[in-house]
Amino acid sequence: MKIAKITSKGQVTIPIDIRRKLGVKEGDKILFVEEAGKVYILNASMEALRKAQAAFAGEAQRVGLKDENDVVSMIKELRRERKEK
């Protein structure tokens, strides 16, 4: 358990070991999530990535992409179509 003091401006210094666990550094954004009376601090970028991954779950199979080569081929085709327009 770690304790931090809040400044008059509402700022808090996050202890280094907690920053390392969150994978955040100067300039990164953190997310505060309230759930069941508790507040959690999350790495905002990682949370956004997790939500994007969840939103796209199953899409590769749906459109028939089996591996990285299929993705590369699809991107090349999309670029070719865009260039033709």
N, C-alpha and C. Protein backbone atom coordinates (compact mmCIF):
# COMPACT_ATOMS: atom_id res chain seq x y z
N MET A 1 0.85 -1.18 0.00
CA MET A 1 0.00 0.00 0.00
C MET A 1 0.89 1.23 0.00
N LYS A 2 0.55 2.20 -0.79
CA LYS A 2 1.32 3.44 -0.91
C LYS A 2 0.45 4.62 -0.50
N ILE A 3 1.06 5.64 0.06
CA ILE A 3 0.35 6.85 0.44
C ILE A 3 0.98 8.02 -0.30
N ALA A 4 0.14 8.92 -0.79
CA ALA A 4 0.61 10.14 -1.44
C ALA A 4 -0.20 11.31 -0.91
N LYS A 5 0.41 12.48 -0.91
CA LYS A 5 -0.25 13.67 -0.40
C LYS A 5 -0.78 14.50 -1.57
N ILE A 6 -1.96 15.06 -1.41
CA ILE A 6 -2.56 15.91 -2.43
C ILE A 6 -2.12 17.35 -2.20
N THR A 7 -1.68 18.03 -3.25
CA THR A 7 -1.27 19.44 -3.13
C THR A 7 -2.49 20.34 -3.13
N SER A 8 -2.26 21.63 -2.90
CA SER A 8 -3.37 22.59 -2.89
C SER A 8 -4.04 22.68 -4.26
N LYS A 9 -3.34 22.26 -5.31
CA LYS A 9 -3.91 22.28 -6.67
C LYS A 9 -4.54 20.93 -7.03
N GLY A 10 -4.61 20.01 -6.07
CA GLY A 10 -5.22 18.70 -6.33
C GLY A 10 -4.30 17.73 -7.02
N GLN A 11 -3.01 18.03 -7.05
CA GLN A 11 -2.05 17.16 -7.72
C GLN A 11 -1.51 16.11 -6.76
N VAL A 12 -1.19 14.94 -7.32
CA VAL A 12 -0.66 13.83 -6.55
C VAL A 12 0.54 13.28 -7.30
N THR A 13 1.60 12.96 -6.57
CA THR A 13 2.74 12.28 -7.18
C THR A 13 2.50 10.78 -7.04
N ILE A 14 2.48 10.09 -8.17
CA ILE A 14 2.28 8.63 -8.16
C ILE A 14 3.64 8.00 -7.87
N PRO A 15 3.72 7.15 -6.86
CA PRO A 15 5.00 6.50 -6.53
C PRO A 15 5.58 5.77 -7.75
N ILE A 16 6.91 5.77 -7.84
CA ILE A 16 7.62 5.21 -9.01
C ILE A 16 7.25 3.76 -9.27
N ASP A 17 7.13 2.93 -8.24
CA ASP A 17 6.81 1.52 -8.50
C ASP A 17 5.40 1.36 -9.05
N ILE A 18 4.48 2.24 -8.68
CA ILE A 18 3.13 2.20 -9.24
C ILE A 18 3.16 2.68 -10.69
N ARG A 19 3.93 3.74 -10.97
CA ARG A 19 4.06 4.21 -12.36
C ARG A 19 4.63 3.12 -13.25
N ARG A 20 5.59 2.39 -12.73
CA ARG A 20 6.19 1.30 -13.52
C ARG A 20 5.15 0.20 -13.78
N LYS A 21 4.38 -0.15 -12.76
CA LYS A 21 3.35 -1.19 -12.94
C LYS A 21 2.30 -0.75 -13.95
N LEU A 22 1.97 0.55 -13.94
CA LEU A 22 0.99 1.08 -14.90
C LEU A 22 1.60 1.26 -16.29
N GLY A 23 2.93 1.33 -16.34
CA GLY A 23 3.61 1.56 -17.62
C GLY A 23 3.43 3.00 -18.10
N VAL A 24 3.42 3.95 -17.16
CA VAL A 24 3.25 5.36 -17.53
C VAL A 24 4.51 6.15 -17.23
N LYS A 25 4.68 7.21 -18.01
CA LYS A 25 5.82 8.11 -17.82
C LYS A 25 5.33 9.54 -17.98
N GLU A 26 6.22 10.48 -17.81
CA GLU A 26 5.86 11.90 -17.91
C GLU A 26 5.12 12.18 -19.22
N GLY A 27 4.01 12.87 -19.12
CA GLY A 27 3.23 13.24 -20.30
C GLY A 27 2.13 12.25 -20.65
N ASP A 28 2.20 11.02 -20.13
CA ASP A 28 1.15 10.03 -20.38
C ASP A 28 -0.12 10.43 -19.64
N LYS A 29 -1.22 9.88 -20.09
CA LYS A 29 -2.50 10.14 -19.44
C LYS A 29 -2.93 8.91 -18.66
N ILE A 30 -3.58 9.18 -17.53
CA ILE A 30 -4.13 8.10 -16.73
C ILE A 30 -5.64 8.27 -16.65
N LEU A 31 -6.30 7.19 -16.40
CA LEU A 31 -7.76 7.15 -16.37
C LEU A 31 -8.19 6.76 -14.96
N PHE A 32 -9.17 7.49 -14.44
CA PHE A 32 -9.74 7.16 -13.13
C PHE A 32 -11.09 6.50 -13.38
N VAL A 33 -11.27 5.30 -12.87
CA VAL A 33 -12.50 4.55 -13.05
C VAL A 33 -13.10 4.27 -11.69
N GLU A 34 -14.36 4.68 -11.51
CA GLU A 34 -15.05 4.39 -10.26
C GLU A 34 -15.96 3.19 -10.47
N GLU A 35 -15.83 2.23 -9.56
CA GLU A 35 -16.60 1.01 -9.67
C GLU A 35 -16.90 0.47 -8.27
N ALA A 36 -18.15 0.32 -7.96
CA ALA A 36 -18.57 -0.25 -6.67
C ALA A 36 -17.93 0.47 -5.48
N GLY A 37 -17.89 1.79 -5.55
CA GLY A 37 -17.37 2.57 -4.43
C GLY A 37 -15.86 2.64 -4.35
N LYS A 38 -15.16 2.10 -5.33
CA LYS A 38 -13.70 2.16 -5.36
C LYS A 38 -13.27 2.90 -6.61
N VAL A 39 -12.10 3.54 -6.54
CA VAL A 39 -11.55 4.25 -7.69
C VAL A 39 -10.27 3.55 -8.11
N TYR A 40 -10.18 3.24 -9.40
CA TYR A 40 -9.01 2.57 -9.96
C TYR A 40 -8.29 3.52 -10.90
N ILE A 41 -6.97 3.44 -10.92
CA ILE A 41 -6.15 4.22 -11.84
C ILE A 41 -5.65 3.28 -12.92
N LEU A 42 -5.87 3.66 -14.18
CA LEU A 42 -5.45 2.84 -15.32
C LEU A 42 -4.61 3.67 -16.27
N ASN A 43 -3.76 3.01 -17.00
CA ASN A 43 -3.02 3.65 -18.09
C ASN A 43 -4.03 3.89 -19.21
N ALA A 44 -4.31 5.16 -19.53
CA ALA A 44 -5.36 5.50 -20.49
C ALA A 44 -5.10 4.89 -21.87
N SER A 45 -3.86 4.89 -22.32
CA SER A 45 -3.53 4.32 -23.64
C SER A 45 -3.79 2.83 -23.68
N MET A 46 -3.39 2.13 -22.63
CA MET A 46 -3.59 0.68 -22.60
C MET A 46 -5.07 0.35 -22.51
N GLU A 47 -5.83 1.13 -21.78
CA GLU A 47 -7.27 0.89 -21.67
C GLU A 47 -7.94 1.12 -23.03
N ALA A 48 -7.53 2.17 -23.73
CA ALA A 48 -8.09 2.44 -25.07
C ALA A 48 -7.77 1.28 -26.01
N LEU A 49 -6.55 0.76 -25.93
CA LEU A 49 -6.16 -0.38 -26.77
C LEU A 49 -6.99 -1.61 -26.43
N ARG A 50 -7.20 -1.88 -25.14
CA ARG A 50 -8.02 -3.03 -24.74
C ARG A 50 -9.45 -2.90 -25.26
N LYS A 51 -10.00 -1.70 -25.19
CA LYS A 51 -11.37 -1.49 -25.68
C LYS A 51 -11.43 -1.67 -27.20
N ALA A 52 -10.41 -1.18 -27.91
CA ALA A 52 -10.38 -1.36 -29.36
C ALA A 52 -10.26 -2.84 -29.72
N GLN A 53 -9.42 -3.56 -29.00
CA GLN A 53 -9.26 -4.99 -29.26
C GLN A 53 -10.58 -5.72 -29.02
N ALA A 54 -11.27 -5.37 -27.96
CA ALA A 54 -12.55 -6.01 -27.66
C ALA A 54 -13.57 -5.69 -28.74
N ALA A 55 -13.57 -4.44 -29.22
CA ALA A 55 -14.52 -4.03 -30.25
C ALA A 55 -14.29 -4.78 -31.56
N PHE A 56 -13.02 -5.10 -31.85
CA PHE A 56 -12.69 -5.77 -33.11
C PHE A 56 -12.59 -7.28 -32.98
N ALA A 57 -12.82 -7.80 -31.80
CA ALA A 57 -12.72 -9.25 -31.59
C ALA A 57 -13.62 -9.99 -32.58
N GLY A 58 -13.04 -10.95 -33.28
CA GLY A 58 -13.80 -11.77 -34.21
C GLY A 58 -13.92 -11.20 -35.61
N GLU A 59 -13.53 -9.95 -35.82
CA GLU A 59 -13.67 -9.31 -37.14
C GLU A 59 -12.76 -9.96 -38.18
N ALA A 60 -11.55 -10.34 -37.79
CA ALA A 60 -10.63 -10.96 -38.74
C ALA A 60 -11.24 -12.24 -39.31
N GLN A 61 -11.79 -13.06 -38.43
CA GLN A 61 -12.41 -14.30 -38.89
C GLN A 61 -13.63 -14.00 -39.75
N ARG A 62 -14.39 -12.98 -39.37
CA ARG A 62 -15.61 -12.63 -40.10
C ARG A 62 -15.31 -12.25 -41.55
N VAL A 63 -14.19 -11.54 -41.77
CA VAL A 63 -13.86 -11.12 -43.13
C VAL A 63 -12.88 -12.07 -43.81
N GLY A 64 -12.56 -13.19 -43.14
CA GLY A 64 -11.76 -14.23 -43.76
C GLY A 64 -10.25 -14.06 -43.67
N LEU A 65 -9.77 -13.27 -42.72
CA LEU A 65 -8.32 -13.09 -42.56
C LEU A 65 -7.80 -14.20 -41.64
N LYS A 66 -6.86 -14.98 -42.19
CA LYS A 66 -6.35 -16.11 -41.41
C LYS A 66 -5.00 -15.83 -40.78
N ASP A 67 -4.18 -14.98 -41.43
CA ASP A 67 -2.86 -14.70 -40.89
C ASP A 67 -2.38 -13.33 -41.35
N GLU A 68 -1.16 -13.00 -40.99
CA GLU A 68 -0.59 -11.68 -41.31
C GLU A 68 -0.52 -11.44 -42.82
N ASN A 69 -0.26 -12.48 -43.58
CA ASN A 69 -0.19 -12.33 -45.05
C ASN A 69 -1.53 -11.89 -45.61
N ASP A 70 -2.62 -12.41 -45.06
CA ASP A 70 -3.96 -11.99 -45.50
C ASP A 70 -4.19 -10.51 -45.20
N VAL A 71 -3.71 -10.06 -44.04
CA VAL A 71 -3.87 -8.65 -43.66
C VAL A 71 -3.08 -7.76 -44.62
N VAL A 72 -1.83 -8.14 -44.91
CA VAL A 72 -0.99 -7.37 -45.83
C VAL A 72 -1.64 -7.31 -47.21
N SER A 73 -2.16 -8.42 -47.69
CA SER A 73 -2.84 -8.46 -48.99
C SER A 73 -4.06 -7.55 -49.01
N MET A 74 -4.83 -7.57 -47.92
CA MET A 74 -6.02 -6.74 -47.84
C MET A 74 -5.64 -5.26 -47.87
N ILE A 75 -4.59 -4.89 -47.15
CA ILE A 75 -4.15 -3.49 -47.12
C ILE A 75 -3.68 -3.06 -48.50
N LYS A 76 -2.93 -3.91 -49.18
CA LYS A 76 -2.46 -3.57 -50.53
C LYS A 76 -3.64 -3.37 -51.47
N GLU A 77 -4.65 -4.22 -51.37
CA GLU A 77 -5.84 -4.10 -52.21
C GLU A 77 -6.59 -2.81 -51.91
N LEU A 78 -6.75 -2.48 -50.64
CA LEU A 78 -7.43 -1.24 -50.27
C LEU A 78 -6.68 -0.01 -50.77
N ARG A 79 -5.36 -0.04 -50.67
CA ARG A 79 -4.54 1.08 -51.18
C ARG A 79 -4.67 1.19 -52.69
N ARG A 80 -4.69 0.05 -53.38
CA ARG A 80 -4.83 0.04 -54.83
C ARG A 80 -6.19 0.64 -55.23
N GLU A 81 -7.25 0.23 -54.54
CA GLU A 81 -8.58 0.77 -54.81
C GLU A 81 -8.64 2.27 -54.55
N ARG A 82 -8.02 2.70 -53.47
CA ARG A 82 -8.04 4.14 -53.13
C ARG A 82 -7.27 4.95 -54.15
N LYS A 83 -6.17 4.40 -54.63
CA LYS A 83 -5.35 5.09 -55.62
C LYS A 83 -6.09 5.26 -56.94
N GLU A 84 -6.92 4.28 -57.28
CA GLU A 84 -7.67 4.31 -58.53
C GLU A 84 -8.77 5.38 -58.52
N LYS A 85 -9.21 5.77 -57.33
CA LYS A 85 -10.30 6.76 -57.22
C LYS A 85 -9.84 8.17 -57.44
